[in-house]
């Protein structure tokens, strides 16, 4: 492709999109006659008419429509990438919106965000703490955080944390009074502390696994909370068994306030990932944050 073709193709796309030489010229900051000459020159080189012209309107010919379908997304992509490249020479700035969970914020996001925000004061971060899966495209989030699960094909997933593990726990006093469960079905003989999802209203089924066998166990007990910290505190106070992230209760395990049971049904699983649309052009600030969050083991 000749170097002059690129500028002429931009001119054609602008006129075809606007449907008017006058509007396209005003947008490009040039004269109508200059733009008309540019498009005619392109048509002459290609040997085919691209635009139908009337006194009131301009519309693509069949050949013009075909060319426009190819050029429009390509030109838009080039423009977006140029904006990103321009931003690389400037101080990172702008707002980054992320949907995540409270546990992910505490364990993997905030330890990185704190120094990142201090280093880049022009960057703003908005975090929406939710327990549901969010359509980040429809709700205009730049990214989301979820555990290492199957993601839509048009999403990029970047691992940002280590493997995690759940634990069934109870206080020593509770387990002295109630024989420890040996298998999942024994949980029906125990008081268990339920967690209710704030967004859906449903109760969380305990997800247990052993040698590839997966069980989703519904439990019963006196207490139900929609807050993980209260589930943990109730377990420490002896009100029953709880199912919690092991890193969330590790200090209480070390202090002897909680004891694990059914360890062989709680294997490690893949930890948190940052996910975002593969087709969206992201700011320099977003790309820097992704690199900072990337888990390197």
Protein backbone atom coordinates (compact mmCIF):
# COMPACT_ATOMS: atom_id res chain seq x y z
CA UNK A 1 0.00 0.00 0.00
CA UNK A 2 1.28 3.43 -0.95
CA UNK A 3 1.86 5.78 1.97
CA UNK A 4 -0.62 8.31 0.54
CA UNK A 5 -3.35 5.65 0.43
CA UNK A 6 -3.67 5.58 4.22
CA UNK A 7 -4.59 9.28 4.47
CA UNK A 8 -6.97 8.92 1.52
CA UNK A 9 -8.64 5.90 3.10
CA UNK A 10 -9.16 7.87 6.32
CA UNK A 11 -10.79 10.61 4.26
CA UNK A 12 -13.09 8.11 2.54
CA UNK A 13 -14.16 6.52 5.86
CA UNK A 14 -14.91 9.93 7.36
CA UNK A 15 -17.06 11.06 4.41
CA UNK A 16 -18.89 7.71 4.14
CA UNK A 17 -19.57 7.67 7.87
CA UNK A 18 -20.78 11.27 8.02
CA UNK A 19 -22.75 10.99 4.78
CA UNK A 20 -21.62 14.49 3.86
CA UNK A 21 -18.46 16.16 2.56
CA UNK A 22 -19.40 19.30 4.49
CA UNK A 23 -19.71 17.57 7.88
CA UNK A 24 -16.63 15.44 7.27
CA UNK A 25 -14.57 18.48 6.28
CA UNK A 26 -15.66 20.34 9.42
CA UNK A 27 -14.71 17.35 11.57
CA UNK A 28 -11.33 16.97 9.85
CA UNK A 29 -10.59 20.70 9.96
CA UNK A 30 -10.13 20.97 6.20
CA UNK A 31 -12.10 22.32 3.24
CA UNK A 32 -14.89 20.49 1.46
CA UNK A 33 -13.14 20.85 -1.91
CA UNK A 34 -9.88 19.43 -0.58
CA UNK A 35 -11.67 16.42 0.89
CA UNK A 36 -13.57 15.87 -2.37
CA UNK A 37 -10.32 15.92 -4.37
CA UNK A 38 -8.76 13.41 -1.97
CA UNK A 39 -11.60 10.93 -2.37
CA UNK A 40 -11.68 11.34 -6.16
CA UNK A 41 -7.95 10.70 -6.26
CA UNK A 42 -8.46 7.48 -4.30
CA UNK A 43 -11.25 6.36 -6.64
CA UNK A 44 -9.04 7.09 -9.62
CA UNK A 45 -6.19 4.98 -8.27
CA UNK A 46 -8.51 2.09 -7.44
CA UNK A 47 -10.34 2.39 -10.77
CA UNK A 48 -13.79 2.21 -9.15
CA UNK A 49 -16.32 4.65 -7.71
CA UNK A 50 -16.70 4.42 -3.93
CA UNK A 51 -19.33 7.10 -3.27
CA UNK A 52 -22.65 8.06 -4.82
CA UNK A 53 -22.94 11.85 -4.72
CA UNK A 54 -26.09 13.97 -4.86
CA UNK A 55 -26.61 17.61 -3.98
CA UNK A 56 -28.00 16.63 -0.57
CA UNK A 57 -26.40 13.34 0.37
CA UNK A 58 -23.37 11.11 -0.06
CA UNK A 59 -23.64 7.33 0.25
CA UNK A 60 -21.27 4.42 -0.43
CA UNK A 61 -21.57 2.35 -3.58
CA UNK A 62 -21.54 -1.46 -3.29
CA UNK A 63 -17.74 -1.37 -3.52
CA UNK A 64 -17.65 1.48 -1.02
CA UNK A 65 -19.82 -0.46 1.44
CA UNK A 66 -17.48 -3.45 1.22
CA UNK A 67 -14.42 -1.29 1.80
CA UNK A 68 -16.12 0.59 4.65
CA UNK A 69 -17.00 -2.63 6.51
CA UNK A 70 -13.33 -3.58 6.56
CA UNK A 71 -11.85 -0.16 7.19
CA UNK A 72 -14.14 1.17 9.95
CA UNK A 73 -13.12 -1.26 12.74
CA UNK A 74 -9.48 -1.18 11.59
CA UNK A 75 -9.34 2.62 11.68
CA UNK A 76 -11.12 2.72 15.05
CA UNK A 77 -8.61 0.25 16.45
CA UNK A 78 -5.70 2.33 15.16
CA UNK A 79 -7.15 5.50 16.71
CA UNK A 80 -7.65 3.77 20.08
CA UNK A 81 -4.13 2.37 20.08
CA UNK A 82 -2.68 5.79 19.24
CA UNK A 83 -4.48 7.22 22.28
CA UNK A 84 -2.97 4.51 24.47
CA UNK A 85 0.52 5.13 23.05
CA UNK A 86 0.19 8.88 23.63
CA UNK A 87 -0.65 8.11 27.25
CA UNK A 88 2.57 6.15 27.72
CA UNK A 89 4.56 9.36 27.65
CA UNK A 90 2.41 10.99 30.29
CA UNK A 91 1.87 10.48 33.99
CA UNK A 92 -0.62 7.57 34.36
CA UNK A 93 -4.05 8.96 35.18
CA UNK A 94 -7.75 8.20 35.08
CA UNK A 95 -10.26 6.01 36.89
CA UNK A 96 -10.14 2.20 36.99
CA UNK A 97 -13.35 0.41 38.06
CA UNK A 98 -13.08 -3.15 39.41
CA UNK A 99 -15.74 -5.50 40.75
CA UNK A 100 -14.42 -7.90 43.38
CA UNK A 101 -15.07 -9.60 46.71
CA UNK A 102 -14.12 -8.47 50.20
CA UNK A 103 -11.77 -11.42 50.65
CA UNK A 104 -9.96 -10.66 47.37
CA UNK A 105 -9.57 -7.01 48.34
CA UNK A 106 -8.06 -7.87 51.70
CA UNK A 107 -5.73 -10.62 50.50
CA UNK A 108 -4.51 -9.71 47.00
CA UNK A 109 -5.78 -6.29 45.86
CA UNK A 110 -5.17 -3.85 48.71
CA UNK A 111 -1.55 -4.96 49.39
CA UNK A 112 -0.79 -3.99 45.77
CA UNK A 113 -3.13 -1.00 45.45
CA UNK A 114 -1.75 0.84 48.48
CA UNK A 115 1.79 1.37 47.09
CA UNK A 116 0.44 1.71 43.53
CA UNK A 117 -1.83 4.63 44.47
CA UNK A 118 0.96 6.32 46.41
CA UNK A 119 3.22 6.04 43.37
CA UNK A 120 0.60 7.27 40.88
CA UNK A 121 -1.50 9.98 42.59
CA UNK A 122 -3.40 10.82 39.38
CA UNK A 123 -4.92 7.34 39.20
CA UNK A 124 -8.31 6.77 40.84
CA UNK A 125 -9.54 3.30 41.80
CA UNK A 126 -13.21 2.40 42.32
CA UNK A 127 -13.92 -1.01 43.90
CA UNK A 128 -17.39 -2.57 44.00
CA UNK A 129 -17.49 -5.33 46.61
CA UNK A 130 -19.99 -7.98 45.50
CA UNK A 131 -20.50 -11.70 45.98
CA UNK A 132 -22.18 -12.21 42.59
CA UNK A 133 -20.69 -12.68 39.14
CA UNK A 134 -20.91 -9.35 37.35
CA UNK A 135 -21.23 -8.61 33.65
CA UNK A 136 -18.31 -6.20 33.55
CA UNK A 137 -19.01 -5.08 29.98
CA UNK A 138 -22.69 -4.27 30.57
CA UNK A 139 -21.97 -2.55 33.89
CA UNK A 140 -18.96 -0.64 32.56
CA UNK A 141 -16.27 -2.08 34.82
CA UNK A 142 -12.72 -2.14 33.53
CA UNK A 143 -12.10 -5.52 35.16
CA UNK A 144 -13.37 -8.05 37.65
CA UNK A 145 -11.78 -10.43 40.13
CA UNK A 146 -12.94 -14.01 40.55
CA UNK A 147 -11.52 -17.42 41.37
CA UNK A 148 -9.84 -19.44 38.63
CA UNK A 149 -12.97 -20.62 36.85
CA UNK A 150 -14.01 -20.86 33.21
CA UNK A 151 -14.27 -17.42 31.68
CA UNK A 152 -15.91 -16.22 28.49
CA UNK A 153 -13.74 -16.64 25.42
CA UNK A 154 -13.43 -12.90 24.87
CA UNK A 155 -11.97 -12.36 28.33
CA UNK A 156 -8.32 -12.15 29.32
CA UNK A 157 -7.56 -13.77 32.70
CA UNK A 158 -4.44 -12.83 34.66
CA UNK A 159 -3.60 -14.75 37.82
CA UNK A 160 -3.12 -12.37 40.74
CA UNK A 161 -2.92 -14.66 43.77
CA UNK A 162 -1.73 -18.06 45.09
CA UNK A 163 -3.77 -21.24 45.44
CA UNK A 164 -6.43 -21.10 48.14
CA UNK A 165 -8.02 -23.64 50.44
CA UNK A 166 -11.27 -23.85 52.37
CA UNK A 167 -11.55 -25.37 55.86
CA UNK A 168 -14.32 -26.82 58.00
CA UNK A 169 -13.63 -25.50 61.49
CA UNK A 170 -15.03 -25.47 65.00
CA UNK A 171 -13.90 -24.39 68.44
CA UNK A 172 -12.16 -26.90 70.73
CA UNK A 173 -15.06 -26.59 73.18
CA UNK A 174 -17.64 -27.40 70.48
CA UNK A 175 -15.65 -30.41 69.25
CA UNK A 176 -15.24 -31.71 72.79
CA UNK A 177 -19.01 -31.79 73.10
CA UNK A 178 -19.67 -33.12 69.58
CA UNK A 179 -17.69 -35.94 67.91
CA UNK A 180 -15.74 -34.59 64.92
CA UNK A 181 -17.27 -35.47 61.54
CA UNK A 182 -15.36 -38.15 59.63
CA UNK A 183 -17.18 -37.73 56.30
CA UNK A 184 -19.46 -35.07 54.76
CA UNK A 185 -22.71 -36.85 55.62
CA UNK A 186 -21.79 -36.54 59.32
CA UNK A 187 -22.38 -32.77 59.02
CA UNK A 188 -26.11 -33.46 59.29
CA UNK A 189 -25.48 -34.39 62.95
CA UNK A 190 -23.85 -31.02 63.68
CA UNK A 191 -24.89 -27.45 64.21
CA UNK A 192 -23.43 -25.55 61.27
CA UNK A 193 -23.23 -21.82 60.68
CA UNK A 194 -24.73 -20.77 57.35
CA UNK A 195 -23.69 -17.94 55.06
CA UNK A 196 -26.38 -16.15 53.04
CA UNK A 197 -25.41 -14.28 49.86
CA UNK A 198 -26.41 -10.62 50.09
CA UNK A 199 -27.01 -10.26 46.36
CA UNK A 200 -28.98 -13.43 45.57
CA UNK A 201 -30.40 -14.20 49.02
CA UNK A 202 -29.46 -17.87 48.71
CA UNK A 203 -27.53 -19.97 51.23
CA UNK A 204 -24.00 -21.05 50.37
CA UNK A 205 -23.65 -24.82 49.90
CA UNK A 206 -20.36 -26.10 51.28
CA UNK A 207 -18.16 -27.23 48.36
CA UNK A 208 -16.22 -30.34 49.33
CA UNK A 209 -14.01 -32.52 47.15
CA UNK A 210 -11.97 -35.69 47.51
CA UNK A 211 -10.15 -37.58 44.72
CA UNK A 212 -12.19 -35.81 42.07
CA UNK A 213 -15.54 -36.41 43.78
CA UNK A 214 -17.32 -33.11 44.36
CA UNK A 215 -20.12 -32.56 46.86
CA UNK A 216 -22.26 -29.48 47.50
CA UNK A 217 -23.53 -29.94 51.04
CA UNK A 218 -26.51 -28.04 52.47
CA UNK A 219 -26.10 -27.58 56.23
CA UNK A 220 -28.37 -26.57 59.11
CA UNK A 221 -27.87 -24.75 62.39
CA UNK A 222 -29.04 -22.00 64.71
CA UNK A 223 -27.21 -19.20 62.97
CA UNK A 224 -27.14 -17.66 59.50
CA UNK A 225 -25.13 -14.55 58.61
CA UNK A 226 -24.49 -12.53 55.48
CA UNK A 227 -21.07 -11.55 56.80
CA UNK A 228 -17.99 -13.81 56.83
CA UNK A 229 -16.48 -12.14 59.89
CA UNK A 230 -19.57 -12.96 61.94
CA UNK A 231 -19.51 -16.59 60.74
CA UNK A 232 -15.91 -16.80 61.94
CA UNK A 233 -16.70 -15.20 65.31
CA UNK A 234 -19.67 -17.50 65.93
CA UNK A 235 -17.44 -20.52 65.25
CA UNK A 236 -14.81 -19.22 67.68
CA UNK A 237 -17.54 -18.75 70.29
CA UNK A 238 -18.59 -22.40 69.97
CA UNK A 239 -21.91 -22.09 68.09
CA UNK A 240 -21.07 -24.78 65.54
CA UNK A 241 -18.97 -25.67 62.54
CA UNK A 242 -18.15 -23.14 59.81
CA UNK A 243 -16.78 -23.36 56.28
CA UNK A 244 -14.25 -20.58 55.67
CA UNK A 245 -11.19 -19.63 53.65
CA UNK A 246 -8.22 -21.09 55.49
CA UNK A 247 -6.13 -17.90 55.19
CA UNK A 248 -9.04 -15.99 56.76
CA UNK A 249 -8.91 -18.09 59.92
CA UNK A 250 -5.21 -19.08 60.03
CA UNK A 251 -4.37 -16.78 62.99
CA UNK A 252 -7.18 -18.41 64.98
CA UNK A 253 -5.92 -21.88 64.05
CA UNK A 254 -2.42 -20.88 65.20
CA UNK A 255 -3.85 -19.54 68.48
CA UNK A 256 -5.84 -22.74 69.10
CA UNK A 257 -9.20 -20.91 68.96
CA UNK A 258 -10.32 -23.04 66.01
CA UNK A 259 -9.62 -26.61 64.89
CA UNK A 260 -10.02 -28.05 61.39
CA UNK A 261 -11.99 -31.20 60.51
CA UNK A 262 -12.59 -33.01 57.20
CA UNK A 263 -9.19 -31.79 55.94
CA UNK A 264 -9.10 -34.55 53.29
CA UNK A 265 -12.27 -33.04 51.76
CA UNK A 266 -10.73 -29.54 51.44
CA UNK A 267 -8.00 -29.67 48.75
CA UNK A 268 -6.28 -26.52 47.40
CA UNK A 269 -7.83 -24.81 44.38
CA UNK A 270 -6.73 -22.15 41.91
CA UNK A 271 -6.78 -18.64 43.40
CA UNK A 272 -7.92 -15.22 42.20
CA UNK A 273 -7.70 -13.94 38.64
CA UNK A 274 -8.22 -10.48 37.21
CA UNK A 275 -10.34 -10.71 34.06
CA UNK A 276 -11.17 -8.09 31.44
CA UNK A 277 -12.40 -7.89 27.82
CA UNK A 278 -9.76 -8.83 25.27
CA UNK A 279 -11.17 -6.47 22.64
CA UNK A 280 -11.13 -3.30 24.72
CA UNK A 281 -8.24 -0.85 24.51
CA UNK A 282 -7.02 -0.05 28.01
CA UNK A 283 -5.28 2.99 29.43
CA UNK A 284 -1.62 3.11 30.38
CA UNK A 285 -2.70 3.22 34.04
CA UNK A 286 -4.74 0.02 33.65
CA UNK A 287 -1.86 -1.81 31.96
CA UNK A 288 0.50 -0.74 34.74
CA UNK A 289 -1.92 -2.00 37.39
CA UNK A 290 -2.36 -5.37 35.66
CA UNK A 291 1.42 -5.81 35.61
CA UNK A 292 1.67 -4.88 39.31
CA UNK A 293 -1.10 -7.35 40.25
CA UNK A 294 0.27 -10.26 38.19
CA UNK A 295 1.08 -13.21 40.47
CA UNK A 296 4.65 -14.38 40.01
CA UNK A 297 4.67 -17.19 42.56
